[in-house]
Amino acid sequence: MSITVTEPAAERIHNFLDKRGKGVGVRLAVRTTGCSGMAYVVEFADDIEDTDTVFEDRGVKLVVNPKSLVYLDGTELDFGKEGLNEGFKFNNPNEKARCGCGESFSI
């Protein structure tokens, strides 16, 4: 099992954590929502639970709960800008479909 982060995403996460002044990394998860069934969640991780799995790549800790891990295994977290929009992108090999608006996906 693995989850990785690209250099642009790692830089962005380091910048966010530095400005925030606290946190051990970012928590990645999925939640049920949207027209395709699930959506990605990125949050600050201030602590690590006993049941969490932690991946470290490019100096960033990626914290994942057991429920989300089966959906995120093999994912690469990227960060990019397109026009006026910028944000994290999940390159997930487990995705089977994505809704038209890009907010949710299915496995």
PDB file of N, CA and C in Angstrom:
ATOM      1  N   MET A   1       0.847  -1.182   0.000  1.00  0.00           N
ATOM      2  CA  MET A   1       0.000   0.000   0.000  1.00  0.00           C
ATOM      3  C   MET A   1       0.885   1.235   0.000  1.00  0.00           C
ATOM      4  N   SER A   2       0.440   2.219  -0.779  1.00  0.00           N
ATOM      5  CA  SER A   2       1.204   3.460  -0.800  1.00  0.00           C
ATOM      6  C   SER A   2       0.336   4.621  -1.255  1.00  0.00           C
ATOM      7  N   ILE A   3       0.712   5.782  -0.784  1.00  0.00           N
ATOM      8  CA  ILE A   3       0.151   7.042  -1.248  1.00  0.00           C
ATOM      9  C   ILE A   3       1.341   7.985  -1.353  1.00  0.00           C
ATOM     10  N   THR A   4       1.447   8.685  -2.477  1.00  0.00           N
ATOM     11  CA  THR A   4       2.597   9.560  -2.712  1.00  0.00           C
ATOM     12  C   THR A   4       2.127  10.987  -2.960  1.00  0.00           C
ATOM     13  N   VAL A   5       3.085  11.882  -2.987  1.00  0.00           N
ATOM     14  CA  VAL A   5       2.800  13.303  -3.200  1.00  0.00           C
ATOM     15  C   VAL A   5       3.819  13.841  -4.202  1.00  0.00           C
ATOM     16  N   THR A   6       3.368  14.696  -5.121  1.00  0.00           N
ATOM     17  CA  THR A   6       4.280  15.303  -6.087  1.00  0.00           C
ATOM     18  C   THR A   6       5.017  16.465  -5.419  1.00  0.00           C
ATOM     19  N   GLU A   7       6.064  16.932  -6.072  1.00  0.00           N
ATOM     20  CA  GLU A   7       6.835  18.051  -5.525  1.00  0.00           C
ATOM     21  C   GLU A   7       5.979  19.314  -5.372  1.00  0.00           C
ATOM     22  N   PRO A   8       5.153  19.692  -6.383  1.00  0.00           N
ATOM     23  CA  PRO A   8       4.304  20.886  -6.179  1.00  0.00           C
ATOM     24  C   PRO A   8       3.337  20.735  -5.000  1.00  0.00           C
ATOM     25  N   ALA A   9       2.774  19.556  -4.806  1.00  0.00           N
ATOM     26  CA  ALA A   9       1.856  19.337  -3.679  1.00  0.00           C
ATOM     27  C   ALA A   9       2.613  19.401  -2.358  1.00  0.00           C
ATOM     28  N   ALA A  10       3.803  18.816  -2.317  1.00  0.00           N
ATOM     29  CA  ALA A  10       4.606  18.840  -1.090  1.00  0.00           C
ATOM     30  C   ALA A  10       4.972  20.275  -0.709  1.00  0.00           C
ATOM     31  N   GLU A  11       5.360  21.075  -1.691  1.00  0.00           N
ATOM     32  CA  GLU A  11       5.693  22.477  -1.421  1.00  0.00           C
ATOM     33  C   GLU A  11       4.487  23.228  -0.869  1.00  0.00           C
ATOM     34  N   ARG A  12       3.322  22.988  -1.472  1.00  0.00           N
ATOM     35  CA  ARG A  12       2.103  23.679  -1.025  1.00  0.00           C
ATOM     36  C   ARG A  12       1.740  23.285   0.407  1.00  0.00           C
ATOM     37  N   ILE A  13       1.848  21.985   0.707  1.00  0.00           N
ATOM     38  CA  ILE A  13       1.537  21.504   2.056  1.00  0.00           C
ATOM     39  C   ILE A  13       2.505  22.094   3.067  1.00  0.00           C
ATOM     40  N   HIS A  14       3.813  22.105   2.749  1.00  0.00           N
ATOM     41  CA  HIS A  14       4.802  22.703   3.650  1.00  0.00           C
ATOM     42  C   HIS A  14       4.477  24.175   3.904  1.00  0.00           C
ATOM     43  N   ASN A  15       4.104  24.904   2.849  1.00  0.00           N
ATOM     44  CA  ASN A  15       3.750  26.323   3.000  1.00  0.00           C
ATOM     45  C   ASN A  15       2.535  26.501   3.904  1.00  0.00           C
ATOM     46  N   PHE A  16       1.490  25.679   3.681  1.00  0.00           N
ATOM     47  CA  PHE A  16       0.294  25.759   4.524  1.00  0.00           C
ATOM     48  C   PHE A  16       0.626  25.485   5.982  1.00  0.00           C
ATOM     49  N   LEU A  17       1.397  24.429   6.231  1.00  0.00           N
ATOM     50  CA  LEU A  17       1.733  24.070   7.614  1.00  0.00           C
ATOM     51  C   LEU A  17       2.608  25.127   8.274  1.00  0.00           C
ATOM     52  N   ASP A  18       3.552  25.699   7.512  1.00  0.00           N
ATOM     53  CA  ASP A  18       4.406  26.760   8.058  1.00  0.00           C
ATOM     54  C   ASP A  18       3.575  27.986   8.448  1.00  0.00           C
ATOM     55  N   LYS A  19       2.655  28.395   7.569  1.00  0.00           N
ATOM     56  CA  LYS A  19       1.807  29.564   7.862  1.00  0.00           C
ATOM     57  C   LYS A  19       0.876  29.284   9.030  1.00  0.00           C
ATOM     58  N   ARG A  20       0.396  28.052   9.110  1.00  0.00           N
ATOM     59  CA  ARG A  20      -0.534  27.675  10.181  1.00  0.00           C
ATOM     60  C   ARG A  20       0.180  27.591  11.523  1.00  0.00           C
ATOM     61  N   GLY A  21       1.449  27.182  11.508  1.00  0.00           N
ATOM     62  CA  GLY A  21       2.237  27.122  12.734  1.00  0.00           C
ATOM     63  C   GLY A  21       2.070  25.858  13.553  1.00  0.00           C
ATOM     64  N   LYS A  22       1.280  24.900  13.073  1.00  0.00           N
ATOM     65  CA  LYS A  22       1.121  23.640  13.783  1.00  0.00           C
ATOM     66  C   LYS A  22       0.591  22.586  12.812  1.00  0.00           C
ATOM     67  N   GLY A  23       0.651  21.341  13.246  1.00  0.00           N
ATOM     68  CA  GLY A  23       0.148  20.228  12.436  1.00  0.00           C
ATOM     69  C   GLY A  23       1.256  19.248  12.119  1.00  0.00           C
ATOM     70  N   VAL A  24       0.887  17.974  12.047  1.00  0.00           N
ATOM     71  CA  VAL A  24       1.872  16.931  11.740  1.00  0.00           C
ATOM     72  C   VAL A  24       1.888  16.595  10.259  1.00  0.00           C
ATOM     73  N   GLY A  25       0.882  17.034   9.532  1.00  0.00           N
ATOM     74  CA  GLY A  25       0.786  16.741   8.109  1.00  0.00           C
ATOM     75  C   GLY A  25      -0.620  17.004   7.625  1.00  0.00           C
ATOM     76  N   VAL A  26      -1.049  16.239   6.608  1.00  0.00           N
ATOM     77  CA  VAL A  26      -2.409  16.371   6.107  1.00  0.00           C
ATOM     78  C   VAL A  26      -3.121  15.032   6.194  1.00  0.00           C
ATOM     79  N   ARG A  27      -4.403  15.117   6.449  1.00  0.00           N
ATOM     80  CA  ARG A  27      -5.256  13.934   6.500  1.00  0.00           C
ATOM     81  C   ARG A  27      -6.002  13.837   5.172  1.00  0.00           C
ATOM     82  N   LEU A  28      -5.887  12.685   4.527  1.00  0.00           N
ATOM     83  CA  LEU A  28      -6.595  12.410   3.282  1.00  0.00           C
ATOM     84  C   LEU A  28      -7.708  11.424   3.580  1.00  0.00           C
ATOM     85  N   ALA A  29      -8.874  11.666   3.017  1.00  0.00           N
ATOM     86  CA  ALA A  29     -10.015  10.792   3.265  1.00  0.00           C
ATOM     87  C   ALA A  29     -10.978  10.857   2.097  1.00  0.00           C
ATOM     88  N   VAL A  30     -11.976   9.993   2.139  1.00  0.00           N
ATOM     89  CA  VAL A  30     -13.093  10.065   1.207  1.00  0.00           C
ATOM     90  C   VAL A  30     -14.370  10.131   2.031  1.00  0.00           C
ATOM     91  N   ARG A  31     -15.379  10.784   1.474  1.00  0.00           N
ATOM     92  CA  ARG A  31     -16.681  10.840   2.139  1.00  0.00           C
ATOM     93  C   ARG A  31     -17.747  10.577   1.087  1.00  0.00           C
ATOM     94  N   THR A  32     -18.877  10.104   1.526  1.00  0.00           N
ATOM     95  CA  THR A  32     -19.992   9.829   0.636  1.00  0.00           C
ATOM     96  C   THR A  32     -20.705  11.135   0.327  1.00  0.00           C
ATOM     97  N   THR A  33     -20.782  11.456  -0.978  1.00  0.00           N
ATOM     98  CA  THR A  33     -21.424  12.692  -1.409  1.00  0.00           C
ATOM     99  C   THR A  33     -21.440  12.764  -2.926  1.00  0.00           C
ATOM    100  N   GLY A  34     -22.091  13.741  -3.461  1.00  0.00           N
ATOM    101  CA  GLY A  34     -22.028  14.035  -4.887  1.00  0.00           C
ATOM    102  C   GLY A  34     -22.793  13.066  -5.763  1.00  0.00           C
ATOM    103  N   CYS A  35     -22.748  13.343  -7.048  1.00  0.00           N
ATOM    104  CA  CYS A  35     -23.520  12.548  -7.999  1.00  0.00           C
ATOM    105  C   CYS A  35     -22.855  11.219  -8.336  1.00  0.00           C
ATOM    106  N   SER A  36     -21.547  11.075  -8.098  1.00  0.00           N
ATOM    107  CA  SER A  36     -20.882   9.805  -8.386  1.00  0.00           C
ATOM    108  C   SER A  36     -20.665   8.946  -7.152  1.00  0.00           C
ATOM    109  N   GLY A  37     -20.930   9.477  -5.976  1.00  0.00           N
ATOM    110  CA  GLY A  37     -20.879   8.654  -4.772  1.00  0.00           C
ATOM    111  C   GLY A  37     -19.877   9.058  -3.712  1.00  0.00           C
ATOM    112  N   MET A  38     -18.654   9.444  -4.096  1.00  0.00           N
ATOM    113  CA  MET A  38     -17.629   9.776  -3.100  1.00  0.00           C
ATOM    114  C   MET A  38     -16.871  11.034  -3.511  1.00  0.00           C
ATOM    115  N   ALA A  39     -16.335  11.730  -2.508  1.00  0.00           N
ATOM    116  CA  ALA A  39     -15.531  12.923  -2.752  1.00  0.00           C
ATOM    117  C   ALA A  39     -14.274  12.848  -1.892  1.00  0.00           C
ATOM    118  N   TYR A  40     -13.222  13.450  -2.396  1.00  0.00           N
ATOM    119  CA  TYR A  40     -11.957  13.494  -1.657  1.00  0.00           C
ATOM    120  C   TYR A  40     -11.996  14.594  -0.608  1.00  0.00           C
ATOM    121  N   VAL A  41     -11.272  14.365   0.492  1.00  0.00           N
ATOM    122  CA  VAL A  41     -11.174  15.337   1.571  1.00  0.00           C
ATOM    123  C   VAL A  41      -9.696  15.518   1.911  1.00  0.00           C
ATOM    124  N   VAL A  42      -9.267  16.768   2.022  1.00  0.00           N
ATOM    125  CA  VAL A  42      -7.912  17.106   2.473  1.00  0.00           C
ATOM    126  C   VAL A  42      -8.073  18.044   3.656  1.00  0.00           C
ATOM    127  N   GLU A  43      -7.510  17.665   4.804  1.00  0.00           N
ATOM    128  CA  GLU A  43      -7.595  18.480   6.020  1.00  0.00           C
ATOM    129  C   GLU A  43      -6.237  18.487   6.710  1.00  0.00           C
ATOM    130  N   PHE A  44      -6.029  19.466   7.565  1.00  0.00           N
ATOM    131  CA  PHE A  44      -4.829  19.449   8.390  1.00  0.00           C
ATOM    132  C   PHE A  44      -4.917  18.292   9.375  1.00  0.00           C
ATOM    133  N   ALA A  45      -3.800  17.657   9.642  1.00  0.00           N
ATOM    134  CA  ALA A  45      -3.747  16.601  10.655  1.00  0.00           C
ATOM    135  C   ALA A  45      -2.943  17.132  11.831  1.00  0.00           C
ATOM    136  N   ASP A  46      -3.622  17.315  12.953  1.00  0.00           N
ATOM    137  CA  ASP A  46      -2.952  17.788  14.161  1.00  0.00           C
ATOM    138  C   ASP A  46      -2.494  16.637  15.043  1.00  0.00           C
ATOM    139  N   ASP A  47      -3.081  15.484  14.835  1.00  0.00           N
ATOM    140  CA  ASP A  47      -2.670  14.306  15.599  1.00  0.00           C
ATOM    141  C   ASP A  47      -2.866  13.056  14.739  1.00  0.00           C
ATOM    142  N   ILE A  48      -2.307  11.971  15.196  1.00  0.00           N
ATOM    143  CA  ILE A  48      -2.393  10.699  14.496  1.00  0.00           C
ATOM    144  C   ILE A  48      -3.051   9.696  15.438  1.00  0.00           C
ATOM    145  N   GLU A  49      -4.151   9.107  14.976  1.00  0.00           N
ATOM    146  CA  GLU A  49      -4.864   8.103  15.762  1.00  0.00           C
ATOM    147  C   GLU A  49      -4.141   6.753  15.652  1.00  0.00           C
ATOM    148  N   ASP A  50      -4.352   5.884  16.629  1.00  0.00           N
ATOM    149  CA  ASP A  50      -3.729   4.552  16.612  1.00  0.00           C
ATOM    150  C   ASP A  50      -4.110   3.750  15.380  1.00  0.00           C
ATOM    151  N   THR A  51      -5.311   3.972  14.858  1.00  0.00           N
ATOM    152  CA  THR A  51      -5.791   3.195  13.711  1.00  0.00           C
ATOM    153  C   THR A  51      -5.396   3.802  12.366  1.00  0.00           C
ATOM    154  N   ASP A  52      -4.818   5.009  12.357  1.00  0.00           N
ATOM    155  CA  ASP A  52      -4.414   5.662  11.111  1.00  0.00           C
ATOM    156  C   ASP A  52      -3.197   4.985  10.506  1.00  0.00           C
ATOM    157  N   THR A  53      -3.098   5.080   9.191  1.00  0.00           N
ATOM    158  CA  THR A  53      -1.889   4.685   8.475  1.00  0.00           C
ATOM    159  C   THR A  53      -1.219   5.976   8.026  1.00  0.00           C
ATOM    160  N   VAL A  54       0.096   6.063   8.201  1.00  0.00           N
ATOM    161  CA  VAL A  54       0.834   7.267   7.843  1.00  0.00           C
ATOM    162  C   VAL A  54       1.831   6.933   6.736  1.00  0.00           C
ATOM    163  N   PHE A  55       1.770   7.707   5.662  1.00  0.00           N
ATOM    164  CA  PHE A  55       2.728   7.606   4.569  1.00  0.00           C
ATOM    165  C   PHE A  55       3.551   8.876   4.599  1.00  0.00           C
ATOM    166  N   GLU A  56       4.842   8.757   4.369  1.00  0.00           N
ATOM    167  CA  GLU A  56       5.682   9.948   4.328  1.00  0.00           C
ATOM    168  C   GLU A  56       6.390   9.991   2.984  1.00  0.00           C
ATOM    169  N   ASP A  57       6.248  11.123   2.301  1.00  0.00           N
ATOM    170  CA  ASP A  57       6.861  11.310   0.993  1.00  0.00           C
ATOM    171  C   ASP A  57       7.251  12.773   0.854  1.00  0.00           C
ATOM    172  N   ARG A  58       8.467  13.021   0.416  1.00  0.00           N
ATOM    173  CA  ARG A  58       8.976  14.388   0.214  1.00  0.00           C
ATOM    174  C   ARG A  58       8.847  15.247   1.471  1.00  0.00           C
ATOM    175  N   GLY A  59       9.004  14.604   2.632  1.00  0.00           N
ATOM    176  CA  GLY A  59       8.956  15.319   3.902  1.00  0.00           C
ATOM    177  C   GLY A  59       7.558  15.640   4.389  1.00  0.00           C
ATOM    178  N   VAL A  60       6.528  15.089   3.744  1.00  0.00           N
ATOM    179  CA  VAL A  60       5.137  15.342   4.117  1.00  0.00           C
ATOM    180  C   VAL A  60       4.526  14.063   4.676  1.00  0.00           C
ATOM    181  N   LYS A  61       3.838  14.190   5.810  1.00  0.00           N
ATOM    182  CA  LYS A  61       3.100  13.056   6.366  1.00  0.00           C
ATOM    183  C   LYS A  61       1.668  13.098   5.840  1.00  0.00           C
ATOM    184  N   LEU A  62       1.257  11.986   5.244  1.00  0.00           N
ATOM    185  CA  LEU A  62      -0.097  11.816   4.732  1.00  0.00           C
ATOM    186  C   LEU A  62      -0.790  10.820   5.637  1.00  0.00           C
ATOM    187  N   VAL A  63      -1.800  11.278   6.362  1.00  0.00           N
ATOM    188  CA  VAL A  63      -2.484  10.478   7.373  1.00  0.00           C
ATOM    189  C   VAL A  63      -3.828  10.009   6.797  1.00  0.00           C
ATOM    190  N   VAL A  64      -4.071   8.691   6.875  1.00  0.00           N
ATOM    191  CA  VAL A  64      -5.277   8.115   6.279  1.00  0.00           C
ATOM    192  C   VAL A  64      -5.942   7.170   7.270  1.00  0.00           C
ATOM    193  N   ASN A  65      -7.255   7.315   7.447  1.00  0.00           N
ATOM    194  CA  ASN A  65      -7.979   6.407   8.331  1.00  0.00           C
ATOM    195  C   ASN A  65      -8.244   5.084   7.601  1.00  0.00           C
ATOM    196  N   PRO A  66      -8.492   4.006   8.339  1.00  0.00           N
ATOM    197  CA  PRO A  66      -8.650   2.690   7.713  1.00  0.00           C
ATOM    198  C   PRO A  66      -9.814   2.615   6.719  1.00  0.00           C
ATOM    199  N   LYS A  67     -10.882   3.331   6.967  1.00  0.00           N
ATOM    200  CA  LYS A  67     -12.042   3.304   6.085  1.00  0.00           C
ATOM    201  C   LYS A  67     -11.715   3.888   4.706  1.00  0.00           C
ATOM    202  N   SER A  68     -10.901   4.927   4.678  1.00  0.00           N
ATOM    203  CA  SER A  68     -10.548   5.592   3.426  1.00  0.00           C
ATOM    204  C   SER A  68      -9.394   4.914   2.700  1.00  0.00           C
ATOM    205  N   LEU A  69      -8.570   4.186   3.428  1.00  0.00           N
ATOM    206  CA  LEU A  69      -7.357   3.615   2.850  1.00  0.00           C
ATOM    207  C   LEU A  69      -7.646   2.712   1.657  1.00  0.00           C
ATOM    208  N   VAL A  70      -8.694   1.912   1.720  1.00  0.00           N
ATOM    209  CA  VAL A  70      -9.000   0.996   0.612  1.00  0.00           C
ATOM    210  C   VAL A  70      -9.324   1.765  -0.668  1.00  0.00           C
ATOM    211  N   TYR A  71      -9.855   2.975  -0.561  1.00  0.00           N
ATOM    212  CA  TYR A  71     -10.187   3.783  -1.737  1.00  0.00           C
ATOM    213  C   TYR A  71      -8.995   4.594  -2.247  1.00  0.00           C
ATOM    214  N   LEU A  72      -8.034   4.875  -1.367  1.00  0.00           N
ATOM    215  CA  LEU A  72      -6.922   5.763  -1.714  1.00  0.00           C
ATOM    216  C   LEU A  72      -5.611   5.050  -2.022  1.00  0.00           C
ATOM    217  N   ASP A  73      -5.545   3.751  -1.821  1.00  0.00           N
ATOM    218  CA  ASP A  73      -4.305   3.009  -2.058  1.00  0.00           C
ATOM    219  C   ASP A  73      -3.809   3.237  -3.490  1.00  0.00           C
ATOM    220  N   GLY A  74      -2.551   3.627  -3.620  1.00  0.00           N
ATOM    221  CA  GLY A  74      -1.953   3.861  -4.927  1.00  0.00           C
ATOM    222  C   GLY A  74      -2.126   5.284  -5.442  1.00  0.00           C
ATOM    223  N   THR A  75      -2.788   6.147  -4.687  1.00  0.00           N
ATOM    224  CA  THR A  75      -3.080   7.511  -5.123  1.00  0.00           C
ATOM    225  C   THR A  75      -1.838   8.398  -5.041  1.00  0.00           C
ATOM    226  N   GLU A  76      -1.745   9.311  -5.991  1.00  0.00           N
ATOM    227  CA  GLU A  76      -0.726  10.357  -5.977  1.00  0.00           C
ATOM    228  C   GLU A  76      -1.448  11.682  -5.789  1.00  0.00           C
ATOM    229  N   LEU A  77      -1.044  12.449  -4.768  1.00  0.00           N
ATOM    230  CA  LEU A  77      -1.621  13.771  -4.516  1.00  0.00           C
ATOM    231  C   LEU A  77      -0.774  14.804  -5.243  1.00  0.00           C
ATOM    232  N   ASP A  78      -1.422  15.596  -6.082  1.00  0.00           N
ATOM    233  CA  ASP A  78      -0.735  16.612  -6.876  1.00  0.00           C
ATOM    234  C   ASP A  78      -1.362  17.971  -6.570  1.00  0.00           C
ATOM    235  N   PHE A  79      -0.686  19.029  -6.971  1.00  0.00           N
ATOM    236  CA  PHE A  79      -1.224  20.377  -6.841  1.00  0.00           C
ATOM    237  C   PHE A  79      -0.988  21.093  -8.155  1.00  0.00           C
ATOM    238  N   GLY A  80      -2.009  21.774  -8.651  1.00  0.00           N
ATOM    239  CA  GLY A  80      -1.850  22.473  -9.914  1.00  0.00           C
ATOM    240  C   GLY A  80      -2.723  23.692 -10.016  1.00  0.00           C
ATOM    241  N   LYS A  81      -2.398  24.505 -11.023  1.00  0.00           N
ATOM    242  CA  LYS A  81      -3.160  25.713 -11.312  1.00  0.00           C
ATOM    243  C   LYS A  81      -3.634  25.626 -12.756  1.00  0.00           C
ATOM    244  N   GLU A  82      -4.896  25.981 -12.962  1.00  0.00           N
ATOM    245  CA  GLU A  82      -5.467  26.078 -14.299  1.00  0.00           C
ATOM    246  C   GLU A  82      -6.243  27.375 -14.364  1.00  0.00           C
ATOM    247  N   GLY A  83      -5.717  28.333 -15.089  1.00  0.00           N
ATOM    248  CA  GLY A  83      -6.359  29.649 -15.150  1.00  0.00           C
ATOM    249  C   GLY A  83      -6.383  30.280 -13.780  1.00  0.00           C
ATOM    250  N   LEU A  84      -7.574  30.651 -13.318  1.00  0.00           N
ATOM    251  CA  LEU A  84      -7.723  31.265 -12.001  1.00  0.00           C
ATOM    252  C   LEU A  84      -7.912  30.241 -10.898  1.00  0.00           C
ATOM    253  N   ASN A  85      -8.068  28.979 -11.261  1.00  0.00           N
ATOM    254  CA  ASN A  85      -8.316  27.922 -10.280  1.00  0.00           C
ATOM    255  C   ASN A  85      -7.022  27.211  -9.902  1.00  0.00           C
ATOM    256  N   GLU A  86      -6.928  26.864  -8.639  1.00  0.00           N
ATOM    257  CA  GLU A  86      -5.798  26.077  -8.171  1.00  0.00           C
ATOM    258  C   GLU A  86      -6.288  25.136  -7.087  1.00  0.00           C
ATOM    259  N   GLY A  87      -5.608  24.008  -6.943  1.00  0.00           N
ATOM    260  CA  GLY A  87      -6.016  23.081  -5.907  1.00  0.00           C
ATOM    261  C   GLY A  87      -5.311  21.747  -6.011  1.00  0.00           C
ATOM    262  N   PHE A  88      -5.601  20.906  -5.032  1.00  0.00           N
ATOM    263  CA  PHE A  88      -5.047  19.564  -5.003  1.00  0.00           C
ATOM    264  C   PHE A  88      -5.804  18.674  -5.964  1.00  0.00           C
ATOM    265  N   LYS A  89      -5.082  17.769  -6.602  1.00  0.00           N
ATOM    266  CA  LYS A  89      -5.669  16.800  -7.520  1.00  0.00           C
ATOM    267  C   LYS A  89      -5.278  15.405  -7.054  1.00  0.00           C
ATOM    268  N   PHE A  90      -6.233  14.510  -7.066  1.00  0.00           N
ATOM    269  CA  PHE A  90      -5.994  13.119  -6.699  1.00  0.00           C
ATOM    270  C   PHE A  90      -5.868  12.298  -7.972  1.00  0.00           C
ATOM    271  N   ASN A  91      -4.685  11.737  -8.205  1.00  0.00           N
ATOM    272  CA  ASN A  91      -4.474  10.814  -9.318  1.00  0.00           C
ATOM    273  C   ASN A  91      -4.625   9.415  -8.744  1.00  0.00           C
ATOM    274  N   ASN A  92      -5.865   8.906  -8.806  1.00  0.00           N
ATOM    275  CA  ASN A  92      -6.218   7.661  -8.138  1.00  0.00           C
ATOM    276  C   ASN A  92      -6.465   6.558  -9.166  1.00  0.00           C
ATOM    277  N   PRO A  93      -5.618   5.521  -9.178  1.00  0.00           N
ATOM    278  CA  PRO A  93      -5.789   4.439 -10.154  1.00  0.00           C
ATOM    279  C   PRO A  93      -7.038   3.593  -9.901  1.00  0.00           C
ATOM    280  N   ASN A  94      -7.668   3.747  -8.744  1.00  0.00           N
ATOM    281  CA  ASN A  94      -8.866   2.979  -8.404  1.00  0.00           C
ATOM    282  C   ASN A  94     -10.148   3.588  -8.957  1.00  0.00           C
ATOM    283  N   GLU A  95     -10.097   4.854  -9.408  1.00  0.00           N
ATOM    284  CA  GLU A  95     -11.293   5.531  -9.920  1.00  0.00           C
ATOM    285  C   GLU A  95     -11.806   4.839 -11.172  1.00  0.00           C
ATOM    286  N   LYS A  96     -13.107   4.620 -11.203  1.00  0.00           N
ATOM    287  CA  LYS A  96     -13.751   4.045 -12.386  1.00  0.00           C
ATOM    288  C   LYS A  96     -14.493   5.123 -13.170  1.00  0.00           C
ATOM    289  N   ALA A  97     -15.013   6.127 -12.464  1.00  0.00           N
ATOM    290  CA  ALA A  97     -15.752   7.206 -13.117  1.00  0.00           C
ATOM    291  C   ALA A  97     -15.694   8.461 -12.255  1.00  0.00           C
ATOM    292  N   ARG A  98     -15.875   9.602 -12.915  1.00  0.00           N
ATOM    293  CA  ARG A  98     -15.892  10.900 -12.228  1.00  0.00           C
ATOM    294  C   ARG A  98     -17.085  11.672 -12.754  1.00  0.00           C
ATOM    295  N   CYS A  99     -17.745  12.404 -11.884  1.00  0.00           N
ATOM    296  CA  CYS A  99     -18.921  13.158 -12.323  1.00  0.00           C
ATOM    297  C   CYS A  99     -18.491  14.304 -13.236  1.00  0.00           C
ATOM    298  N   GLY A 100     -19.433  14.856 -13.951  1.00  0.00           N
ATOM    299  CA  GLY A 100     -19.148  15.923 -14.895  1.00  0.00           C
ATOM    300  C   GLY A 100     -18.568  17.174 -14.272  1.00  0.00           C
ATOM    301  N   CYS A 101     -18.958  17.482 -13.043  1.00  0.00           N
ATOM    302  CA  CYS A 101     -18.442  18.682 -12.395  1.00  0.00           C
ATOM    303  C   CYS A 101     -17.078  18.449 -11.752  1.00  0.00           C
ATOM    304  N   GLY A 102     -16.653  17.170 -11.660  1.00  0.00           N
ATOM    305  CA  GLY A 102     -15.343  16.856 -11.108  1.00  0.00           C
ATOM    306  C   GLY A 102     -15.275  16.824  -9.603  1.00  0.00           C
ATOM    307  N   GLU A 103     -16.409  16.946  -8.922  1.00  0.00           N
ATOM    308  CA  GLU A 103     -16.411  16.989  -7.469  1.00  0.00           C
ATOM    309  C   GLU A 103     -16.480  15.609  -6.819  1.00  0.00           C
ATOM    310  N   SER A 104     -16.961  14.607  -7.539  1.00  0.00           N
ATOM    311  CA  SER A 104     -17.075  13.289  -6.930  1.00  0.00           C
ATOM    312  C   SER A 104     -16.649  12.210  -7.920  1.00  0.00           C
ATOM    313  N   PHE A 105     -16.453  11.011  -7.384  1.00  0.00           N
ATOM    314  CA  PHE A 105     -15.965   9.894  -8.194  1.00  0.00           C
ATOM    315  C   PHE A 105     -16.579   8.600  -7.691  1.00  0.00           C
ATOM    316  N   SER A 106     -16.378   7.535  -8.458  1.00  0.00           N
ATOM    317  CA  SER A 106     -16.815   6.204  -8.025  1.00  0.00           C
ATOM    318  C   SER A 106     -15.691   5.210  -8.253  1.00  0.00           C
ATOM    319  N   ILE A 107     -15.762   4.136  -7.491  1.00  0.00           N
ATOM    320  CA  ILE A 107     -14.742   3.078  -7.571  1.00  0.00           C
ATOM    321  C   ILE A 107     -15.389   1.833  -8.121  1.00  0.00           C
TER     322      ILE A 107
END
